Amino acid sequence: MKIIIWLIFALTLVLFASVYISPEYFRYVGLLPFFIPVILLVNLFLLVILILSWRKIAFLPLLALLIGYKFFIATFQIHPKHEASEGLKVLSYNAHMFFDNPKSETTPESNVLSWLQDQPADVKVFQEFYQDNTTPSRDALKILGKNSNYKVSYHITDGNSKKRSNGLAIFSKYPIINDGKVFDAQGTNGAIFADILVKNDTIRIYNAHLESMRIDSDALENLEGVKENYRQTLGKLQRGSLARSKQLKVLLEHMKNSPHALILLGDLNEIPYSYTYFKLGEDYENAFENAGRGFGFTYNRILFFLRIDHIFSSKKLKAIEFKTHTEVDYSDHYPISATFAWDSFGQ
């Protein structure tokens, strides 16, 4: 029994350490963090059993849980419910092209842009943003931008700028004084930035969509589907984590050289137990950890227990509210939003 408990402790440390190793150095390390929630539960179970049986070796699972306290913080938060009436409000949404999702049951196509228009966020960023210049009712840049008095920075990742395109977009109620591209990738992935003038301060907004997992979640809805697709799924997870680690290096270098305090929003396609998440956490604050409630899951498919959309910020910016808008089920992601206290900004 003691040998098993020591082996579990050793395995726990290996899994904990995996989030600090880039997949560029060990290609399969990106798969290990997915087992962290399981090993935490195993240690919690062992702790209870060993305490009830008055076994001194209970200190091992206790020590493991204490070492892994950061994973609990990243997983679940109990901040009091808070409706922030003042502050800089930001929103991020992987919109799934707006008009290309037949699976929504409660949010018709005609309402998704209306919902976004009604949101009071000062800054709204979108991944998989779809723009149709040929159909007025689908002219998202005009509807969410000009018609709503927002300034816009839009970068096309695919399509025709004169007709139909998709890409990354940043909308701001405040003046955009500078913008640009961080990196391009295939399809809908990439990262852009925009500097906005807020009061007497300049804040840099990053909108990132890192390499997608590209997992066919429909194929995993039953046991047979899991059996048939698990090898393919593991391969996609491994390749995705490697690609994201390379993209993260470019993004972090750009963020490091930012002359302004910054907020990073987007679909990072990374769970809270990942190299990307912990690497960002070294220098930046996570809005969910500082102001969220519950688990904050953001994925709207069979793998509902994933939180892969995130908001990070410079340490001087204080998040006082974080929300996952589960009432909006149009896309395969839920929108997320955060409010940052005004006293975080220069007056």
Protein backbone atom coordinates (compact mmCIF):
# COMPACT_ATOMS: atom_id res chain seq x y z
CA MET A 1 0.00 0.00 0.00
CA LYS A 2 2.80 2.40 0.92
CA ILE A 3 4.56 1.73 -2.38
CA ILE A 4 1.39 2.55 -4.33
CA ILE A 5 0.92 5.80 -2.41
CA TRP A 6 4.54 6.80 -3.04
CA LEU A 7 4.14 5.99 -6.75
CA ILE A 8 0.99 8.12 -6.93
CA PHE A 9 2.85 10.95 -5.22
CA ALA A 10 5.71 10.67 -7.72
CA LEU A 11 3.26 10.60 -10.65
CA THR A 12 1.51 13.66 -9.21
CA LEU A 13 4.77 15.62 -9.16
CA VAL A 14 5.52 14.61 -12.75
CA LEU A 15 2.09 15.81 -13.92
CA PHE A 16 2.44 19.07 -11.97
CA ALA A 17 5.86 19.67 -13.50
CA SER A 18 4.56 19.06 -17.04
CA VAL A 19 2.94 22.52 -17.20
CA TYR A 20 6.38 24.15 -16.98
CA ILE A 21 7.86 22.23 -19.92
CA SER A 22 7.33 23.50 -23.44
CA PRO A 23 6.07 20.93 -25.97
CA GLU A 24 8.91 22.19 -28.18
CA TYR A 25 11.34 20.28 -25.94
CA PHE A 26 9.23 17.21 -25.30
CA ARG A 27 6.51 16.77 -27.90
CA TYR A 28 4.10 14.70 -25.82
CA VAL A 29 4.29 16.76 -22.65
CA GLY A 30 1.24 18.74 -23.76
CA LEU A 31 -0.95 15.67 -23.20
CA LEU A 32 0.04 15.17 -19.55
CA PRO A 33 -1.80 18.17 -18.03
CA PHE A 34 -5.15 16.67 -19.06
CA PHE A 35 -4.63 14.12 -16.28
CA ILE A 36 -4.09 16.74 -13.57
CA PRO A 37 -7.78 16.95 -12.52
CA VAL A 38 -7.82 13.15 -12.20
CA ILE A 39 -4.69 13.01 -10.06
CA LEU A 40 -6.02 15.79 -7.83
CA LEU A 41 -9.19 13.79 -7.19
CA VAL A 42 -7.14 10.65 -6.53
CA ASN A 43 -5.04 12.49 -3.95
CA LEU A 44 -8.11 13.98 -2.33
CA PHE A 45 -9.69 10.54 -2.08
CA LEU A 46 -6.49 9.05 -0.63
CA LEU A 47 -6.24 11.85 1.91
CA VAL A 48 -9.73 11.21 3.23
CA ILE A 49 -9.28 7.44 3.38
CA LEU A 50 -5.89 7.64 5.08
CA ILE A 51 -7.03 10.23 7.63
CA LEU A 52 -10.08 8.13 8.52
CA SER A 53 -7.82 5.12 8.99
CA TRP A 54 -5.30 7.12 11.04
CA ARG A 55 -2.40 6.39 8.69
CA LYS A 56 0.67 8.63 9.04
CA ILE A 57 1.34 8.33 5.33
CA ALA A 58 -1.65 10.67 4.82
CA PHE A 59 0.93 13.44 4.75
CA LEU A 60 1.86 12.44 1.15
CA PRO A 61 -1.49 13.17 -0.55
CA LEU A 62 -1.81 16.24 1.70
CA LEU A 63 1.58 17.46 0.55
CA ALA A 64 0.63 16.78 -3.08
CA LEU A 65 -2.55 18.84 -2.74
CA LEU A 66 -0.64 21.70 -1.08
CA ILE A 67 1.95 21.69 -3.87
CA GLY A 68 -0.86 21.73 -6.43
CA TYR A 69 -2.84 24.58 -4.88
CA LYS A 70 -2.37 26.66 -8.05
CA PHE A 71 -4.38 24.12 -10.01
CA PHE A 72 -7.31 24.51 -7.63
CA ILE A 73 -7.15 28.29 -8.02
CA ALA A 74 -7.12 27.94 -11.81
CA THR A 75 -10.04 25.50 -11.73
CA PHE A 76 -12.64 26.93 -9.37
CA GLN A 77 -13.30 30.33 -7.83
CA ILE A 78 -15.67 31.49 -5.10
CA HIS A 79 -15.52 35.25 -5.47
CA PRO A 80 -18.76 36.94 -4.35
CA LYS A 81 -21.20 37.82 -7.11
CA HIS A 82 -20.44 41.35 -8.17
CA GLU A 83 -22.10 43.51 -10.80
CA ALA A 84 -19.51 46.16 -11.58
CA SER A 85 -21.22 49.40 -12.55
CA GLU A 86 -17.99 51.25 -13.29
CA GLY A 87 -14.72 50.33 -14.89
CA LEU A 88 -13.33 49.31 -18.27
CA LYS A 89 -15.53 46.48 -19.57
CA VAL A 90 -14.08 44.04 -22.09
CA LEU A 91 -15.66 41.11 -23.91
CA SER A 92 -14.20 38.25 -25.94
CA TYR A 93 -16.12 35.89 -28.21
CA ASN A 94 -15.22 33.16 -30.65
CA ALA A 95 -18.21 33.88 -32.87
CA HIS A 96 -17.94 30.77 -35.08
CA MET A 97 -18.55 32.93 -38.17
CA PHE A 98 -21.89 34.25 -36.82
CA PHE A 99 -23.97 32.71 -39.61
CA ASP A 100 -22.44 29.29 -39.95
CA ASN A 101 -23.80 27.38 -36.95
CA PRO A 102 -26.98 25.35 -37.46
CA LYS A 103 -26.75 23.78 -33.98
CA SER A 104 -27.97 26.73 -31.92
CA GLU A 105 -31.46 26.20 -30.51
CA THR A 106 -31.99 29.26 -28.35
CA THR A 107 -30.13 32.02 -30.16
CA PRO A 108 -31.36 32.48 -33.75
CA GLU A 109 -29.00 33.92 -36.35
CA SER A 110 -30.94 37.17 -36.45
CA ASN A 111 -30.35 37.74 -32.73
CA VAL A 112 -26.65 37.11 -32.26
CA LEU A 113 -25.58 40.51 -33.58
CA SER A 114 -28.40 42.18 -31.63
CA TRP A 115 -27.15 40.59 -28.42
CA LEU A 116 -23.63 41.79 -29.13
CA GLN A 117 -24.89 45.28 -29.93
CA ASP A 118 -26.70 45.43 -26.60
CA GLN A 119 -23.64 44.45 -24.58
CA PRO A 120 -22.23 47.50 -22.77
CA ALA A 121 -18.59 46.42 -23.07
CA ASP A 122 -16.17 49.22 -23.92
CA VAL A 123 -13.95 46.80 -25.85
CA LYS A 124 -15.21 43.78 -27.78
CA VAL A 125 -12.87 41.33 -29.47
CA PHE A 126 -13.87 38.51 -31.79
CA GLN A 127 -12.22 35.39 -33.13
CA GLU A 128 -13.66 33.66 -36.21
CA PHE A 129 -15.29 36.98 -37.05
CA TYR A 130 -17.33 36.81 -40.26
CA GLN A 131 -17.78 39.85 -42.50
CA ASP A 132 -20.14 39.96 -45.48
CA ASN A 133 -19.97 43.16 -47.54
CA THR A 134 -22.60 41.86 -49.97
CA THR A 135 -25.49 41.50 -47.50
CA PRO A 136 -26.47 44.47 -45.28
CA SER A 137 -27.97 42.24 -42.56
CA ARG A 138 -24.63 40.43 -42.29
CA ASP A 139 -22.36 43.45 -42.48
CA ALA A 140 -20.97 42.87 -38.99
CA LEU A 141 -18.33 45.61 -39.23
CA LYS A 142 -21.02 48.20 -39.88
CA ILE A 143 -23.58 46.79 -37.43
CA LEU A 144 -21.18 46.38 -34.51
CA GLY A 145 -18.85 49.20 -35.51
CA LYS A 146 -20.14 52.30 -37.27
CA ASN A 147 -23.81 51.84 -36.29
CA SER A 148 -22.82 51.27 -32.65
CA ASN A 149 -20.24 54.09 -32.43
CA TYR A 150 -17.26 51.76 -32.03
CA LYS A 151 -13.85 52.18 -33.64
CA VAL A 152 -12.66 49.02 -35.40
CA SER A 153 -9.45 47.15 -36.08
CA TYR A 154 -10.09 44.17 -38.35
CA HIS A 155 -7.51 41.73 -39.71
CA ILE A 156 -8.54 39.24 -42.38
CA THR A 157 -7.19 35.71 -42.06
CA ASP A 158 -9.15 34.25 -44.97
CA GLY A 159 -11.42 35.49 -47.74
CA ASN A 160 -11.98 38.54 -49.94
CA SER A 161 -11.93 41.99 -48.32
CA LYS A 162 -14.44 43.32 -50.87
CA LYS A 163 -16.93 40.48 -50.53
CA ARG A 164 -16.81 37.93 -47.71
CA SER A 165 -14.03 37.31 -45.23
CA ASN A 166 -13.26 36.13 -41.75
CA GLY A 167 -10.61 37.01 -39.24
CA LEU A 168 -9.89 38.78 -35.97
CA ALA A 169 -11.57 42.01 -34.88
CA ILE A 170 -11.23 44.55 -32.06
CA PHE A 171 -14.02 47.07 -31.42
CA SER A 172 -13.47 49.97 -29.02
CA LYS A 173 -15.59 52.84 -27.69
CA TYR A 174 -12.32 54.64 -27.07
CA PRO A 175 -10.02 55.99 -29.79
CA ILE A 176 -7.72 53.45 -31.44
CA ILE A 177 -4.39 55.24 -31.89
CA ASN A 178 -2.36 52.30 -33.19
CA ASP A 179 -2.98 48.73 -34.30
CA GLY A 180 -1.25 45.85 -36.01
CA LYS A 181 -0.71 42.14 -36.50
CA VAL A 182 1.32 39.91 -34.19
CA PHE A 183 1.28 36.76 -36.29
CA ASP A 184 -0.75 34.97 -38.94
CA ALA A 185 -1.61 31.29 -39.08
CA GLN A 186 -3.65 29.05 -41.32
CA GLY A 187 -7.42 29.45 -41.42
CA THR A 188 -8.85 31.47 -38.54
CA ASN A 189 -5.86 31.54 -36.20
CA GLY A 190 -3.63 34.49 -35.45
CA ALA A 191 -3.15 37.45 -33.11
CA ILE A 192 -3.62 41.21 -33.46
CA PHE A 193 -3.37 44.24 -31.18
CA ALA A 194 -4.79 47.74 -30.84
CA ASP A 195 -3.69 50.61 -28.59
CA ILE A 196 -6.67 52.49 -27.17
CA LEU A 197 -6.72 55.81 -25.34
CA VAL A 198 -8.60 55.38 -22.05
CA LYS A 199 -8.86 58.59 -20.01
CA ASN A 200 -5.23 59.73 -19.88
CA ASP A 201 -3.80 56.26 -20.26
CA THR A 202 -3.00 54.10 -23.28
CA ILE A 203 -3.93 50.43 -23.00
CA ARG A 204 -2.86 47.76 -25.47
CA ILE A 205 -5.55 45.21 -26.32
CA TYR A 206 -4.48 41.85 -27.72
CA ASN A 207 -6.90 39.54 -29.50
CA ALA A 208 -5.48 36.04 -29.96
CA HIS A 209 -6.79 32.84 -31.48
CA LEU A 210 -4.12 30.21 -30.99
CA GLU A 211 -3.94 26.96 -32.94
CA SER A 212 -7.24 25.11 -32.73
CA MET A 213 -7.53 21.64 -31.27
CA ARG A 214 -9.58 20.66 -34.34
CA ILE A 215 -11.28 17.87 -32.44
CA ASP A 216 -14.51 16.53 -33.90
CA SER A 217 -16.54 16.72 -30.68
CA ASP A 218 -19.55 15.11 -32.38
CA ALA A 219 -17.50 11.95 -32.89
CA LEU A 220 -16.92 11.74 -29.13
CA GLU A 221 -20.58 11.83 -28.10
CA ASN A 222 -20.74 8.07 -27.49
CA LEU A 223 -18.45 5.23 -26.45
CA GLU A 224 -18.10 3.85 -29.98
CA GLY A 225 -17.07 7.25 -31.23
CA VAL A 226 -14.44 7.52 -28.51
CA LYS A 227 -13.04 4.09 -29.37
CA GLU A 228 -12.82 4.90 -33.07
CA ASN A 229 -11.32 8.36 -32.73
CA TYR A 230 -9.11 8.36 -29.64
CA ARG A 231 -5.85 7.85 -31.56
CA GLN A 232 -6.69 10.62 -33.97
CA THR A 233 -7.78 12.87 -31.10
CA LEU A 234 -4.54 12.32 -29.17
CA GLY A 235 -2.56 13.14 -32.30
CA LYS A 236 -4.44 16.39 -32.79
CA LEU A 237 -3.95 17.34 -29.15
CA GLN A 238 -0.23 16.70 -29.40
CA ARG A 239 0.22 18.65 -32.65
CA GLY A 240 -1.96 21.48 -31.39
CA SER A 241 -0.03 21.92 -28.15
CA LEU A 242 3.24 22.05 -30.10
CA ALA A 243 1.90 24.66 -32.52
CA ARG A 244 0.48 26.79 -29.69
CA SER A 245 3.78 26.75 -27.80
CA LYS A 246 5.50 28.20 -30.88
CA GLN A 247 2.78 30.83 -31.33
CA LEU A 248 2.97 31.68 -27.63
CA LYS A 249 6.68 32.44 -27.94
CA VAL A 250 5.95 35.02 -30.65
CA LEU A 251 3.02 36.49 -28.71
CA LEU A 252 4.93 36.75 -25.42
CA GLU A 253 7.85 38.49 -27.12
CA HIS A 254 5.46 41.03 -28.61
CA MET A 255 3.71 41.55 -25.25
CA LYS A 256 7.05 41.92 -23.47
CA ASN A 257 7.92 44.81 -25.78
CA SER A 258 4.59 46.58 -25.32
CA PRO A 259 5.11 50.18 -24.17
CA HIS A 260 1.72 50.11 -22.44
CA ALA A 261 -0.18 48.09 -19.86
CA LEU A 262 -2.09 45.39 -21.70
CA ILE A 263 -5.08 43.08 -21.74
CA LEU A 264 -4.94 39.80 -23.65
CA LEU A 265 -8.28 38.29 -24.65
CA GLY A 266 -9.12 35.36 -26.83
CA ASP A 267 -9.61 31.73 -27.62
CA LEU A 268 -6.26 30.30 -26.56
CA ASN A 269 -7.43 26.69 -27.00
CA GLU A 270 -5.66 25.82 -23.76
CA ILE A 271 -7.10 24.47 -20.52
CA PRO A 272 -5.94 26.01 -17.20
CA TYR A 273 -3.53 23.08 -16.76
CA SER A 274 -1.22 23.82 -19.65
CA TYR A 275 2.18 25.23 -20.49
CA THR A 276 0.58 28.20 -22.25
CA TYR A 277 -1.67 29.09 -19.30
CA PHE A 278 1.08 28.85 -16.69
CA LYS A 279 3.62 30.66 -18.87
CA LEU A 280 1.23 33.59 -19.27
CA GLY A 281 0.54 33.46 -15.54
CA GLU A 282 4.19 34.16 -14.74
CA ASP A 283 3.89 37.82 -15.74
CA TYR A 284 0.17 38.47 -16.15
CA GLU A 285 -2.97 38.25 -14.04
CA ASN A 286 -5.89 36.02 -15.01
CA ALA A 287 -9.30 37.72 -14.75
CA PHE A 288 -11.16 34.51 -13.90
CA GLU A 289 -8.82 33.73 -11.02
CA ASN A 290 -9.15 37.26 -9.65
CA ALA A 291 -12.88 37.86 -10.09
CA GLY A 292 -14.60 34.71 -11.42
CA ARG A 293 -17.12 32.33 -9.89
CA GLY A 294 -17.53 28.57 -10.26
CA PHE A 295 -15.69 26.69 -13.00
CA GLY A 296 -16.17 29.23 -15.80
CA PHE A 297 -16.38 26.61 -18.57
CA THR A 298 -16.39 28.28 -22.00
CA TYR A 299 -16.81 25.42 -24.48
CA ASN A 300 -20.32 24.81 -25.79
CA ARG A 301 -20.15 21.22 -27.03
CA ILE A 302 -19.96 17.68 -25.64
CA LEU A 303 -16.62 18.53 -23.98
CA PHE A 304 -18.46 21.16 -21.91
CA PHE A 305 -15.95 20.97 -19.03
CA LEU A 306 -13.28 22.94 -20.92
CA ARG A 307 -12.28 26.53 -20.16
CA ILE A 308 -10.20 27.49 -23.17
CA ASP A 309 -11.14 31.18 -23.57
CA HIS A 310 -9.17 33.49 -21.29
CA ILE A 311 -8.48 37.07 -20.27
CA PHE A 312 -5.02 37.99 -18.97
CA SER A 313 -3.78 41.46 -18.07
CA SER A 314 -0.81 43.41 -16.77
CA LYS A 315 -0.48 43.17 -13.00
CA LYS A 316 -1.38 46.85 -12.50
CA LEU A 317 -4.86 46.26 -13.96
CA LYS A 318 -7.31 44.99 -11.36
CA ALA A 319 -10.17 42.74 -12.54
CA ILE A 320 -13.26 43.26 -10.37
CA GLU A 321 -15.73 41.18 -12.37
CA PHE A 322 -15.60 38.16 -14.67
CA LYS A 323 -18.47 36.41 -16.45
CA THR A 324 -19.01 33.47 -18.75
CA HIS A 325 -22.16 34.23 -20.74
CA THR A 326 -23.68 30.75 -20.91
CA GLU A 327 -27.01 32.28 -21.94
CA VAL A 328 -25.53 32.80 -25.43
CA ASP A 329 -25.22 29.37 -27.04
CA TYR A 330 -25.02 30.33 -30.69
CA SER A 331 -21.33 29.51 -31.14
CA ASP A 332 -19.31 26.53 -29.99
CA HIS A 333 -17.86 28.94 -27.42
CA TYR A 334 -19.53 31.12 -24.82
CA PRO A 335 -18.61 34.82 -24.68
CA ILE A 336 -16.55 35.90 -21.67
CA SER A 337 -16.27 39.37 -20.19
CA ALA A 338 -14.38 41.20 -17.46
CA THR A 339 -14.41 44.60 -15.82
CA PHE A 340 -11.23 46.36 -14.71
CA ALA A 341 -11.35 48.99 -11.96
CA TRP A 342 -10.89 52.58 -13.07
CA ASP A 343 -8.27 53.20 -10.40
CA SER A 344 -6.04 50.74 -12.33
CA PHE A 345 -5.67 53.35 -15.06
CA GLY A 346 -3.79 56.64 -15.17
CA GLN A 347 -6.00 59.64 -14.50
